Amino acid sequence: MIRLCSARMLRPRAAVLGRSLLRRSSRGYSWRNVRDKFNEFMDNTVGGSPPGFIPVALVGTNVIVYLLYKFQSGKNRQVVLNNPLLKDFLCPGLFSLGINSVFTFLLARNIESMHGPGMLAKVVALTVVLGALGYSYSAQHSSHSQPYGNNALMRGLGYSIMFSNPQASFILFPIPIPLKAWIVGGVILGFDLISLNYPGLGGTAAGFICSRLLI
């Protein structure tokens, strides 16, 4: 037998359900509470690090991964080359290593000075994860692998600044004039979409998430 519920019977049930959801939210199930707890954890973990420590650590990681790649051969080199977590720190040559390290350091220091080391750590962590997913996906749809040199990392750092302040000005090398951040971001994003640069798109997503959802 089918039992029909009247509107009067449904109202108390809806009220109970609403109170239950509010109770769960107050216990920490809401996005805001999860975000605040995550931010608190990152701030407590790296918030006390001296200024410039994380940017220097990123540059040091570039150098270490580059040396591991250059002084290894055969299977050991392939281990470094095919590791999605290390690949974004792998530069193809000394010139690329120098240029990428300088820009990575400057972008990282910018975020650190604006939002603190906790925010910078969140950007780096999320960029490494999403960039690694991009490299893994690319490896399944590409016939060869090559060093990329902070492909995802610089996008994660750069887009976190762009999304935080779209009216900021950047100089897009080799154009010697300042351009609005949203113009630079649009140009880079367009190239990434055309070339199917999945690691770069992962870095872009990380920058958006950190600047719009985790601040």
N, C-alpha and C. Protein backbone atom coordinates (compact mmCIF):
# COMPACT_ATOMS: atom_id res chain seq x y z
N MET A 1 0.85 -1.19 0.00
CA MET A 1 0.00 0.00 0.00
C MET A 1 0.89 1.24 0.00
N ILE A 2 0.55 2.22 -0.85
CA ILE A 2 1.32 3.45 -0.96
C ILE A 2 0.73 4.48 -0.01
N ARG A 3 1.58 5.05 0.80
CA ARG A 3 1.14 6.05 1.77
C ARG A 3 1.53 7.44 1.28
N LEU A 4 0.57 8.31 1.12
CA LEU A 4 0.82 9.67 0.67
C LEU A 4 1.10 10.56 1.87
N CYS A 5 2.10 11.46 1.69
CA CYS A 5 2.48 12.37 2.77
C CYS A 5 1.92 13.75 2.46
N SER A 6 1.32 14.35 3.41
CA SER A 6 0.80 15.70 3.24
C SER A 6 1.91 16.72 3.46
N ALA A 7 1.61 17.97 3.11
CA ALA A 7 2.59 19.03 3.29
C ALA A 7 2.92 19.22 4.76
N ARG A 8 1.89 19.03 5.65
CA ARG A 8 2.14 19.18 7.08
C ARG A 8 3.10 18.13 7.59
N MET A 9 3.02 16.91 7.01
CA MET A 9 3.92 15.84 7.46
C MET A 9 5.33 16.08 6.95
N LEU A 10 5.47 16.72 5.77
CA LEU A 10 6.79 16.92 5.19
C LEU A 10 7.55 18.06 5.85
N ARG A 11 6.83 19.07 6.36
CA ARG A 11 7.53 20.21 6.95
C ARG A 11 8.39 19.82 8.15
N PRO A 12 7.88 19.03 9.11
CA PRO A 12 8.75 18.64 10.23
C PRO A 12 9.97 17.85 9.78
N ARG A 13 9.78 16.96 8.78
CA ARG A 13 10.91 16.18 8.30
C ARG A 13 11.96 17.08 7.65
N ALA A 14 11.50 18.08 6.89
CA ALA A 14 12.44 19.01 6.26
C ALA A 14 13.19 19.81 7.32
N ALA A 15 12.48 20.19 8.38
CA ALA A 15 13.13 20.94 9.44
C ALA A 15 14.19 20.11 10.13
N VAL A 16 13.86 18.82 10.39
CA VAL A 16 14.84 17.93 11.02
C VAL A 16 16.06 17.76 10.12
N LEU A 17 15.82 17.58 8.79
CA LEU A 17 16.93 17.43 7.87
C LEU A 17 17.79 18.69 7.83
N GLY A 18 17.14 19.85 7.84
CA GLY A 18 17.89 21.10 7.82
C GLY A 18 18.75 21.26 9.06
N ARG A 19 18.19 20.93 10.23
CA ARG A 19 18.98 21.01 11.47
C ARG A 19 20.13 20.03 11.45
N SER A 20 19.91 18.84 10.85
CA SER A 20 20.97 17.85 10.76
C SER A 20 22.13 18.35 9.91
N LEU A 21 21.78 18.98 8.76
CA LEU A 21 22.84 19.51 7.90
C LEU A 21 23.59 20.64 8.58
N LEU A 22 22.86 21.50 9.29
CA LEU A 22 23.53 22.58 9.99
C LEU A 22 24.44 22.04 11.09
N ARG A 23 23.96 20.96 11.76
CA ARG A 23 24.79 20.35 12.80
C ARG A 23 26.07 19.77 12.22
N ARG A 24 25.95 19.11 11.07
CA ARG A 24 27.14 18.57 10.42
C ARG A 24 28.08 19.68 10.00
N SER A 25 27.50 20.78 9.49
CA SER A 25 28.33 21.90 9.08
C SER A 25 29.07 22.48 10.27
N SER A 26 28.38 22.58 11.41
CA SER A 26 29.03 23.13 12.60
C SER A 26 30.11 22.21 13.13
N ARG A 27 30.03 20.92 12.79
CA ARG A 27 31.06 19.98 13.25
C ARG A 27 32.27 19.96 12.33
N GLY A 28 32.22 20.70 11.24
CA GLY A 28 33.40 20.79 10.40
C GLY A 28 33.25 20.17 9.03
N TYR A 29 32.02 19.91 8.56
CA TYR A 29 31.83 19.29 7.26
C TYR A 29 31.71 20.33 6.15
N SER A 30 31.59 21.59 6.47
CA SER A 30 31.44 22.61 5.45
C SER A 30 32.79 22.90 4.79
N TRP A 31 32.73 23.43 3.56
CA TRP A 31 33.96 23.75 2.84
C TRP A 31 34.76 24.81 3.57
N ARG A 32 34.08 25.78 4.17
CA ARG A 32 34.79 26.85 4.86
C ARG A 32 35.60 26.29 6.03
N ASN A 33 35.03 25.37 6.78
CA ASN A 33 35.76 24.79 7.90
C ASN A 33 36.93 23.95 7.43
N VAL A 34 36.72 23.17 6.36
CA VAL A 34 37.82 22.36 5.81
C VAL A 34 38.93 23.27 5.33
N ARG A 35 38.57 24.34 4.64
CA ARG A 35 39.57 25.29 4.15
C ARG A 35 40.34 25.92 5.29
N ASP A 36 39.63 26.35 6.33
CA ASP A 36 40.29 26.99 7.46
C ASP A 36 41.24 26.04 8.17
N LYS A 37 40.83 24.77 8.31
CA LYS A 37 41.69 23.80 8.96
C LYS A 37 42.94 23.52 8.12
N PHE A 38 42.76 23.43 6.82
CA PHE A 38 43.90 23.21 5.93
C PHE A 38 44.85 24.40 5.98
N ASN A 39 44.29 25.62 5.92
CA ASN A 39 45.13 26.81 6.01
C ASN A 39 45.88 26.87 7.34
N GLU A 40 45.19 26.51 8.41
CA GLU A 40 45.83 26.52 9.72
C GLU A 40 46.97 25.50 9.79
N PHE A 41 46.75 24.33 9.20
CA PHE A 41 47.80 23.31 9.19
C PHE A 41 49.03 23.79 8.42
N MET A 42 48.82 24.38 7.24
CA MET A 42 49.94 24.85 6.44
C MET A 42 50.66 26.00 7.12
N ASP A 43 49.90 26.90 7.74
CA ASP A 43 50.52 28.03 8.44
C ASP A 43 51.35 27.56 9.63
N ASN A 44 50.84 26.57 10.36
CA ASN A 44 51.58 26.04 11.50
C ASN A 44 52.82 25.25 11.05
N THR A 45 52.74 24.65 9.86
CA THR A 45 53.84 23.82 9.39
C THR A 45 55.00 24.67 8.85
N VAL A 46 54.68 25.63 8.00
CA VAL A 46 55.74 26.41 7.34
C VAL A 46 55.65 27.90 7.63
N GLY A 47 54.67 28.30 8.44
CA GLY A 47 54.48 29.72 8.70
C GLY A 47 55.67 30.37 9.38
N GLY A 48 56.44 29.61 10.13
CA GLY A 48 57.58 30.17 10.83
C GLY A 48 58.87 30.13 10.05
N SER A 49 58.83 29.69 8.80
CA SER A 49 60.06 29.62 8.01
C SER A 49 60.55 31.03 7.68
N PRO A 50 61.87 31.23 7.63
CA PRO A 50 62.41 32.57 7.36
C PRO A 50 62.06 33.03 5.95
N PRO A 51 61.97 34.33 5.71
CA PRO A 51 61.65 34.83 4.37
C PRO A 51 62.66 34.34 3.34
N GLY A 52 62.15 33.88 2.23
CA GLY A 52 63.01 33.41 1.15
C GLY A 52 63.39 31.95 1.23
N PHE A 53 63.01 31.27 2.31
CA PHE A 53 63.41 29.87 2.46
C PHE A 53 62.78 28.99 1.39
N ILE A 54 61.47 29.10 1.20
CA ILE A 54 60.79 28.25 0.21
C ILE A 54 61.23 28.59 -1.21
N PRO A 55 61.34 29.88 -1.61
CA PRO A 55 61.86 30.17 -2.95
C PRO A 55 63.25 29.60 -3.20
N VAL A 56 64.13 29.71 -2.20
CA VAL A 56 65.48 29.15 -2.36
C VAL A 56 65.41 27.63 -2.45
N ALA A 57 64.51 27.01 -1.68
CA ALA A 57 64.36 25.55 -1.74
C ALA A 57 63.88 25.11 -3.12
N LEU A 58 63.01 25.89 -3.76
CA LEU A 58 62.55 25.56 -5.10
C LEU A 58 63.70 25.62 -6.11
N VAL A 59 64.51 26.66 -6.00
CA VAL A 59 65.67 26.76 -6.89
C VAL A 59 66.65 25.62 -6.62
N GLY A 60 66.86 25.29 -5.35
CA GLY A 60 67.73 24.17 -5.02
C GLY A 60 67.22 22.85 -5.58
N THR A 61 65.90 22.67 -5.56
CA THR A 61 65.32 21.45 -6.13
C THR A 61 65.58 21.39 -7.63
N ASN A 62 65.46 22.53 -8.32
CA ASN A 62 65.78 22.59 -9.74
C ASN A 62 67.20 22.11 -10.00
N VAL A 63 68.15 22.63 -9.22
CA VAL A 63 69.56 22.29 -9.42
C VAL A 63 69.82 20.82 -9.13
N ILE A 64 69.26 20.30 -8.03
CA ILE A 64 69.49 18.90 -7.65
C ILE A 64 68.93 17.95 -8.71
N VAL A 65 67.71 18.21 -9.17
CA VAL A 65 67.10 17.33 -10.17
C VAL A 65 67.87 17.41 -11.49
N TYR A 66 68.33 18.61 -11.84
CA TYR A 66 69.12 18.76 -13.07
C TYR A 66 70.42 17.96 -12.99
N LEU A 67 71.11 18.03 -11.84
CA LEU A 67 72.36 17.28 -11.68
C LEU A 67 72.11 15.77 -11.67
N LEU A 68 71.03 15.34 -11.03
CA LEU A 68 70.69 13.92 -11.05
C LEU A 68 70.47 13.42 -12.47
N TYR A 69 69.83 14.26 -13.29
CA TYR A 69 69.54 13.87 -14.67
C TYR A 69 70.82 13.86 -15.52
N LYS A 70 71.66 14.88 -15.36
CA LYS A 70 72.84 15.01 -16.21
C LYS A 70 73.92 13.99 -15.89
N PHE A 71 74.03 13.60 -14.63
CA PHE A 71 75.10 12.69 -14.24
C PHE A 71 74.64 11.24 -14.11
N GLN A 72 73.45 10.97 -14.59
CA GLN A 72 72.97 9.60 -14.64
C GLN A 72 72.89 9.15 -16.10
N SER A 73 72.81 7.86 -16.30
CA SER A 73 72.71 7.32 -17.65
C SER A 73 71.81 6.09 -17.63
N GLY A 74 71.29 5.76 -18.80
CA GLY A 74 70.51 4.54 -18.94
C GLY A 74 69.24 4.57 -18.12
N LYS A 75 69.01 3.50 -17.39
CA LYS A 75 67.78 3.34 -16.62
C LYS A 75 67.67 4.38 -15.52
N ASN A 76 68.80 4.75 -14.89
CA ASN A 76 68.74 5.73 -13.81
C ASN A 76 68.27 7.08 -14.33
N ARG A 77 68.70 7.47 -15.53
CA ARG A 77 68.23 8.72 -16.11
C ARG A 77 66.74 8.65 -16.42
N GLN A 78 66.28 7.51 -16.91
CA GLN A 78 64.87 7.36 -17.23
C GLN A 78 64.00 7.43 -15.98
N VAL A 79 64.55 6.98 -14.85
CA VAL A 79 63.80 7.06 -13.59
C VAL A 79 63.51 8.52 -13.26
N VAL A 80 64.53 9.37 -13.41
CA VAL A 80 64.33 10.80 -13.14
C VAL A 80 63.41 11.41 -14.18
N LEU A 81 63.62 11.04 -15.45
CA LEU A 81 62.86 11.63 -16.54
C LEU A 81 61.38 11.27 -16.49
N ASN A 82 61.08 10.06 -16.05
CA ASN A 82 59.70 9.57 -16.09
C ASN A 82 58.96 9.74 -14.76
N ASN A 83 59.61 10.32 -13.76
CA ASN A 83 58.94 10.56 -12.48
C ASN A 83 58.09 11.82 -12.58
N PRO A 84 56.77 11.71 -12.51
CA PRO A 84 55.93 12.90 -12.71
C PRO A 84 56.10 13.95 -11.62
N LEU A 85 56.52 13.54 -10.43
CA LEU A 85 56.70 14.52 -9.35
C LEU A 85 58.00 15.31 -9.51
N LEU A 86 59.00 14.72 -10.19
CA LEU A 86 60.29 15.39 -10.40
C LEU A 86 60.37 16.09 -11.74
N LYS A 87 59.54 15.69 -12.67
CA LYS A 87 59.71 16.14 -14.05
C LYS A 87 59.56 17.64 -14.21
N ASP A 88 58.70 18.26 -13.42
CA ASP A 88 58.51 19.70 -13.57
C ASP A 88 59.72 20.49 -13.10
N PHE A 89 60.57 19.89 -12.28
CA PHE A 89 61.79 20.55 -11.82
C PHE A 89 62.98 20.27 -12.74
N LEU A 90 62.76 19.51 -13.80
CA LEU A 90 63.85 19.08 -14.67
C LEU A 90 63.97 20.03 -15.86
N CYS A 91 65.11 20.70 -15.96
CA CYS A 91 65.37 21.64 -17.05
C CYS A 91 66.29 21.00 -18.08
N PRO A 92 66.08 21.26 -19.38
CA PRO A 92 66.86 20.59 -20.42
C PRO A 92 68.29 21.06 -20.55
N GLY A 93 68.62 22.23 -20.05
CA GLY A 93 69.99 22.73 -20.18
C GLY A 93 70.29 23.80 -19.13
N LEU A 94 71.55 24.26 -19.11
CA LEU A 94 71.96 25.25 -18.12
C LEU A 94 71.24 26.58 -18.30
N PHE A 95 71.06 26.99 -19.56
CA PHE A 95 70.37 28.26 -19.80
C PHE A 95 68.93 28.19 -19.29
N SER A 96 68.23 27.09 -19.61
CA SER A 96 66.86 26.91 -19.12
C SER A 96 66.84 26.84 -17.60
N LEU A 97 67.82 26.17 -17.03
CA LEU A 97 67.90 26.08 -15.57
C LEU A 97 68.03 27.46 -14.94
N GLY A 98 68.90 28.29 -15.51
CA GLY A 98 69.11 29.63 -14.97
C GLY A 98 67.88 30.51 -15.10
N ILE A 99 67.29 30.55 -16.30
CA ILE A 99 66.12 31.40 -16.54
C ILE A 99 64.94 30.96 -15.69
N ASN A 100 64.65 29.67 -15.68
CA ASN A 100 63.51 29.16 -14.92
C ASN A 100 63.70 29.38 -13.42
N SER A 101 64.93 29.19 -12.94
CA SER A 101 65.19 29.37 -11.51
C SER A 101 64.98 30.82 -11.10
N VAL A 102 65.43 31.77 -11.94
CA VAL A 102 65.26 33.19 -11.62
C VAL A 102 63.79 33.56 -11.56
N PHE A 103 63.01 33.17 -12.58
CA PHE A 103 61.59 33.52 -12.60
C PHE A 103 60.83 32.79 -11.49
N THR A 104 61.18 31.55 -11.23
CA THR A 104 60.53 30.82 -10.14
C THR A 104 60.78 31.50 -8.81
N PHE A 105 62.02 31.92 -8.58
CA PHE A 105 62.36 32.60 -7.33
C PHE A 105 61.59 33.91 -7.19
N LEU A 106 61.54 34.71 -8.26
CA LEU A 106 60.86 36.00 -8.19
C LEU A 106 59.36 35.84 -7.96
N LEU A 107 58.73 34.92 -8.68
CA LEU A 107 57.30 34.70 -8.49
C LEU A 107 57.00 34.18 -7.08
N ALA A 108 57.83 33.25 -6.61
CA ALA A 108 57.61 32.70 -5.27
C ALA A 108 57.79 33.76 -4.19
N ARG A 109 58.79 34.61 -4.33
CA ARG A 109 58.99 35.68 -3.35
C ARG A 109 57.83 36.67 -3.37
N ASN A 110 57.27 36.90 -4.55
CA ASN A 110 56.14 37.81 -4.66
C ASN A 110 54.96 37.29 -3.87
N ILE A 111 54.64 35.99 -4.05
CA ILE A 111 53.52 35.39 -3.31
C ILE A 111 53.81 35.39 -1.81
N GLU A 112 55.04 35.06 -1.46
CA GLU A 112 55.41 35.01 -0.04
C GLU A 112 55.28 36.38 0.61
N SER A 113 55.67 37.44 -0.10
CA SER A 113 55.57 38.78 0.47
C SER A 113 54.12 39.25 0.57
N MET A 114 53.25 38.79 -0.35
CA MET A 114 51.84 39.21 -0.33
C MET A 114 51.01 38.42 0.68
N HIS A 115 51.20 37.10 0.71
CA HIS A 115 50.30 36.24 1.49
C HIS A 115 51.01 35.39 2.54
N GLY A 116 52.33 35.43 2.59
CA GLY A 116 53.05 34.66 3.59
C GLY A 116 53.51 33.30 3.08
N PRO A 117 54.41 32.66 3.81
CA PRO A 117 54.93 31.36 3.37
C PRO A 117 53.90 30.24 3.36
N GLY A 118 52.86 30.35 4.21
CA GLY A 118 51.83 29.33 4.21
C GLY A 118 51.11 29.26 2.88
N MET A 119 50.75 30.41 2.33
CA MET A 119 50.08 30.46 1.04
C MET A 119 51.00 29.95 -0.06
N LEU A 120 52.26 30.33 -0.02
CA LEU A 120 53.22 29.86 -1.02
C LEU A 120 53.35 28.35 -0.98
N ALA A 121 53.39 27.78 0.21
CA ALA A 121 53.49 26.32 0.34
C ALA A 121 52.27 25.63 -0.26
N LYS A 122 51.08 26.23 -0.07
CA LYS A 122 49.87 25.65 -0.66
C LYS A 122 49.91 25.68 -2.18
N VAL A 123 50.38 26.79 -2.74
CA VAL A 123 50.48 26.89 -4.19
C VAL A 123 51.45 25.85 -4.74
N VAL A 124 52.60 25.73 -4.10
CA VAL A 124 53.61 24.78 -4.58
C VAL A 124 53.10 23.35 -4.48
N ALA A 125 52.51 23.01 -3.33
CA ALA A 125 52.04 21.63 -3.12
C ALA A 125 50.96 21.26 -4.13
N LEU A 126 49.98 22.13 -4.30
CA LEU A 126 48.88 21.82 -5.24
C LEU A 126 49.37 21.80 -6.68
N THR A 127 50.32 22.69 -7.01
CA THR A 127 50.86 22.72 -8.37
C THR A 127 51.63 21.44 -8.68
N VAL A 128 52.42 20.97 -7.73
CA VAL A 128 53.19 19.74 -7.94
C VAL A 128 52.25 18.56 -8.18
N VAL A 129 51.17 18.50 -7.40
CA VAL A 129 50.23 17.38 -7.53
C VAL A 129 49.50 17.44 -8.88
N LEU A 130 48.90 18.59 -9.20
CA LEU A 130 48.16 18.71 -10.45
C LEU A 130 49.08 18.65 -11.67
N GLY A 131 50.28 19.20 -11.52
CA GLY A 131 51.25 19.09 -12.61
C GLY A 131 51.67 17.66 -12.85
N ALA A 132 51.86 16.90 -11.77
CA ALA A 132 52.21 15.48 -11.91
C ALA A 132 51.10 14.70 -12.60
N LEU A 133 49.85 15.03 -12.29
CA LEU A 133 48.74 14.39 -12.98
C LEU A 133 48.76 14.72 -14.47
N GLY A 134 49.12 15.98 -14.78
CA GLY A 134 49.22 16.38 -16.17
C GLY A 134 50.32 15.64 -16.91
N TYR A 135 51.47 15.47 -16.25
CA TYR A 135 52.58 14.73 -16.87
C TYR A 135 52.21 13.26 -17.06
N SER A 136 51.53 12.69 -16.08
CA SER A 136 51.12 11.29 -16.20
C SER A 136 50.15 11.11 -17.36
N TYR A 137 49.23 12.04 -17.51
CA TYR A 137 48.27 11.95 -18.62
C TYR A 137 48.99 12.14 -19.96
N SER A 138 49.93 13.09 -20.01
CA SER A 138 50.67 13.33 -21.25
C SER A 138 51.51 12.12 -21.64
N ALA A 139 52.06 11.42 -20.65
CA ALA A 139 52.90 10.26 -20.95
C ALA A 139 52.12 9.16 -21.64
N GLN A 140 50.82 9.09 -21.37
CA GLN A 140 49.98 8.07 -22.00
C GLN A 140 49.54 8.45 -23.41
N HIS A 141 49.73 9.73 -23.76
CA HIS A 141 49.27 10.20 -25.07
C HIS A 141 50.39 10.84 -25.87
N SER A 142 51.64 10.54 -25.51
CA SER A 142 52.79 11.09 -26.22
C SER A 142 53.78 9.99 -26.52
N SER A 143 54.47 10.10 -27.64
CA SER A 143 55.41 9.06 -28.06
C SER A 143 56.78 9.23 -27.45
N HIS A 144 57.07 10.35 -26.82
CA HIS A 144 58.38 10.56 -26.22
C HIS A 144 58.23 11.49 -25.01
N SER A 145 59.27 11.48 -24.16
CA SER A 145 59.28 12.33 -22.98
C SER A 145 60.49 13.25 -23.06
N GLN A 146 60.36 14.44 -22.47
CA GLN A 146 61.46 15.39 -22.46
C GLN A 146 61.35 16.27 -21.23
N PRO A 147 62.47 16.90 -20.82
CA PRO A 147 62.40 17.82 -19.69
C PRO A 147 61.55 19.03 -20.04
N TYR A 148 60.84 19.55 -19.05
CA TYR A 148 59.95 20.68 -19.29
C TYR A 148 60.41 21.96 -18.60
N GLY A 149 61.06 21.86 -17.46
CA GLY A 149 61.58 23.05 -16.80
C GLY A 149 60.53 23.95 -16.19
N ASN A 150 59.99 23.57 -15.02
CA ASN A 150 59.05 24.40 -14.26
C ASN A 150 57.82 24.80 -15.08
N ASN A 151 57.40 23.92 -15.96
CA ASN A 151 56.24 24.18 -16.81
C ASN A 151 55.00 24.44 -15.98
N ALA A 152 54.69 23.53 -15.07
CA ALA A 152 53.50 23.69 -14.23
C ALA A 152 53.76 24.66 -13.08
N LEU A 153 54.96 24.60 -12.50
CA LEU A 153 55.25 25.39 -11.30
C LEU A 153 55.15 26.89 -11.57
N MET A 154 55.76 27.35 -12.67
CA MET A 154 55.70 28.79 -12.94
C MET A 154 54.29 29.24 -13.28
N ARG A 155 53.49 28.37 -13.87
CA ARG A 155 52.10 28.74 -14.12
C ARG A 155 51.31 28.79 -12.83
N GLY A 156 51.55 27.82 -11.94
CA GLY A 156 50.86 27.85 -10.66
C GLY A 156 51.18 29.11 -9.87
N LEU A 157 52.46 29.48 -9.84
CA LEU A 157 52.87 30.69 -9.14
C LEU A 157 52.33 31.94 -9.83
N GLY A 158 52.52 31.98 -11.15
CA GLY A 158 52.10 33.16 -11.89
C GLY A 158 50.60 33.39 -11.88
N TYR A 159 49.84 32.33 -12.08
CA TYR A 159 48.38 32.49 -12.13
C TYR A 159 47.79 32.77 -10.75
N SER A 160 48.43 32.30 -9.70
CA SER A 160 47.93 32.66 -8.37
C SER A 160 48.05 34.16 -8.14
N ILE A 161 49.11 34.77 -8.70
CA ILE A 161 49.24 36.23 -8.63
C ILE A 161 48.23 36.91 -9.54
N MET A 162 48.08 36.38 -10.76
CA MET A 162 47.16 36.99 -11.73
C MET A 162 45.72 36.96 -11.25
N PHE A 163 45.30 35.80 -10.72
CA PHE A 163 43.93 35.69 -10.26
C PHE A 163 43.69 36.53 -9.00
N SER A 164 44.72 36.72 -8.19
CA SER A 164 44.58 37.55 -7.00
C SER A 164 44.50 39.03 -7.36
N ASN A 165 45.24 39.43 -8.41
CA ASN A 165 45.28 40.83 -8.81
C ASN A 165 45.33 40.92 -10.33
N PRO A 166 44.18 40.79 -11.01
CA PRO A 166 44.17 40.79 -12.48
C PRO A 166 44.68 42.09 -13.10
N GLN A 167 44.67 43.18 -12.34
CA GLN A 167 45.11 44.47 -12.89
C GLN A 167 46.61 44.70 -12.70
N ALA A 168 47.30 43.74 -12.12
CA ALA A 168 48.75 43.87 -11.98
C ALA A 168 49.40 43.85 -13.36
N SER A 169 50.61 44.34 -13.45
CA SER A 169 51.31 44.42 -14.73
C SER A 169 52.47 43.43 -14.76
N PHE A 170 52.63 42.78 -15.90
CA PHE A 170 53.72 41.85 -16.13
C PHE A 170 54.45 42.27 -17.41
N ILE A 171 55.71 41.89 -17.51
CA ILE A 171 56.46 42.06 -18.75
C ILE A 171 56.62 40.69 -19.38
N LEU A 172 56.00 40.49 -20.54
CA LEU A 172 56.02 39.21 -21.23
C LEU A 172 57.20 39.21 -22.20
N PHE A 173 58.28 38.55 -21.79
CA PHE A 173 59.50 38.52 -22.60
C PHE A 173 59.20 37.90 -23.97
N PRO A 174 59.67 38.51 -25.08
CA PRO A 174 60.61 39.63 -25.20
C PRO A 174 59.93 40.99 -25.43
N ILE A 175 58.65 41.14 -25.09
CA ILE A 175 57.96 42.43 -25.26
C ILE A 175 58.36 43.35 -24.11
N PRO A 176 59.09 44.45 -24.38
CA PRO A 176 59.64 45.27 -23.29
C PRO A 176 58.66 46.29 -22.72
N ILE A 177 57.37 45.99 -22.70
CA ILE A 177 56.39 46.91 -22.14
C ILE A 177 55.52 46.16 -21.15
N PRO A 178 55.08 46.83 -20.09
CA PRO A 178 54.22 46.15 -19.11
C PRO A 178 52.84 45.88 -19.68
N LEU A 179 52.34 44.68 -19.43
CA LEU A 179 51.01 44.27 -19.88
C LEU A 179 50.18 43.86 -18.67
N LYS A 180 48.89 44.06 -18.77
CA LYS A 180 47.99 43.66 -17.68
C LYS A 180 48.07 42.15 -17.46
N ALA A 181 47.91 41.75 -16.20
CA ALA A 181 48.05 40.33 -15.86
C ALA A 181 47.04 39.48 -16.61
N TRP A 182 45.80 39.98 -16.77
CA TRP A 182 44.78 39.17 -17.43
C TRP A 182 45.10 38.98 -18.91
N ILE A 183 45.83 39.94 -19.53
CA ILE A 183 46.24 39.76 -20.92
C ILE A 183 47.32 38.69 -21.03
N VAL A 184 48.33 38.79 -20.15
CA VAL A 184 49.41 37.80 -20.15
C VAL A 184 48.85 36.41 -19.87
N GLY A 185 47.97 36.32 -18.86
CA GLY A 185 47.38 35.03 -18.53
C GLY A 185 46.56 34.46 -19.65
N GLY A 186 45.81 35.32 -20.36
CA GLY A 186 45.01 34.85 -21.49
C GLY A 186 45.86 34.33 -22.63
N VAL A 187 46.98 35.00 -22.91
CA VAL A 187 47.89 34.56 -23.99
C VAL A 187 48.49 33.20 -23.65
N ILE A 188 49.00 33.06 -22.43
CA ILE A 188 49.62 31.79 -22.03
C ILE A 188 48.60 30.66 -22.01
N LEU A 189 47.42 30.95 -21.48
CA LEU A 189 46.37 29.93 -21.43
C LEU A 189 45.95 29.50 -22.84
N GLY A 190 45.89 30.46 -23.76
CA GLY A 190 45.55 30.12 -25.15
C GLY A 190 46.57 29.18 -25.77
N PHE A 191 47.85 29.47 -25.58
CA PHE A 191 48.90 28.59 -26.11
C PHE A 191 48.82 27.20 -25.47
N ASP A 192 48.56 27.16 -24.17
CA ASP A 192 48.47 25.86 -23.48
C ASP A 192 47.30 25.03 -24.00
N LEU A 193 46.18 25.68 -24.27
CA LEU A 193 45.02 24.96 -24.78
C LEU A 193 45.27 24.46 -26.20
N ILE A 194 45.91 25.29 -27.03
CA ILE A 194 46.19 24.89 -28.41
C ILE A 194 47.18 23.73 -28.46
N SER A 195 48.21 23.80 -27.62
CA SER A 195 49.26 22.77 -27.62
C SER A 195 48.93 21.59 -26.72
N LEU A 196 47.77 21.61 -26.06
CA LEU A 196 47.39 20.55 -25.13
C LEU A 196 48.46 20.33 -24.07
N ASN A 197 48.88 21.42 -23.48
CA ASN A 197 49.91 21.38 -22.43
C ASN A 197 49.23 21.02 -21.10
N TYR A 198 49.03 19.74 -20.85
CA TYR A 198 48.30 19.30 -19.67
C TYR A 198 49.00 19.66 -18.36
N PRO A 199 50.33 19.51 -18.25
CA PRO A 199 50.98 19.96 -17.00
C PRO A 199 50.79 21.46 -16.76
N GLY A 200 50.90 22.26 -17.84
CA GLY A 200 50.69 23.69 -17.69
C GLY A 200 49.28 24.02 -17.28
N LEU A 201 48.30 23.30 -17.83
CA LEU A 201 46.91 23.52 -17.43
C LEU A 201 46.69 23.11 -15.98
N GLY A 202 47.40 22.07 -15.54
CA GLY A 202 47.33 21.70 -14.14
C GLY A 202 47.85 22.80 -13.23
N GLY A 203 48.95 23.43 -13.64
CA GLY A 203 49.48 24.56 -12.88
C GLY A 203 48.52 25.73 -12.85
N THR A 204 47.86 25.99 -13.99
CA THR A 204 46.86 27.06 -14.06
C THR A 204 45.71 26.78 -13.10
N ALA A 205 45.23 25.54 -13.08
CA ALA A 205 44.15 25.17 -12.17
C ALA A 205 44.58 25.34 -10.71
N ALA A 206 45.82 24.99 -10.41
CA ALA A 206 46.32 25.15 -9.04
C ALA A 206 46.36 26.61 -8.64
N GLY A 207 46.81 27.47 -9.55
CA GLY A 207 46.83 28.90 -9.25
C GLY A 207 45.45 29.46 -9.00
N PHE A 208 44.47 29.00 -9.78
CA PHE A 208 43.09 29.48 -9.59
C PHE A 208 42.53 29.00 -8.26
N ILE A 209 42.73 27.72 -7.95
CA ILE A 209 42.18 27.17 -6.71
C ILE A 209 42.77 27.87 -5.50
N CYS A 210 44.08 28.07 -5.52
CA CYS A 210 44.73 28.68 -4.35
C CYS A 210 44.35 30.15 -4.19
N SER A 211 44.24 30.88 -5.29
CA SER A 211 43.98 32.32 -5.20
C SER A 211 42.51 32.63 -4.97
N ARG A 212 41.61 31.79 -5.43
CA ARG A 212 40.18 32.09 -5.33
C ARG A 212 39.46 31.31 -4.24
N LEU A 213 40.01 30.15 -3.85
CA LEU A 213 39.28 29.30 -2.91
C LEU A 213 40.00 29.10 -1.58
N LEU A 214 41.31 29.32 -1.53
CA LEU A 214 42.06 29.01 -0.31
C LEU A 214 42.55 30.23 0.44
N ILE A 215 42.30 31.42 -0.09
CA ILE A 215 42.72 32.64 0.62
C ILE A 215 41.64 33.02 1.62
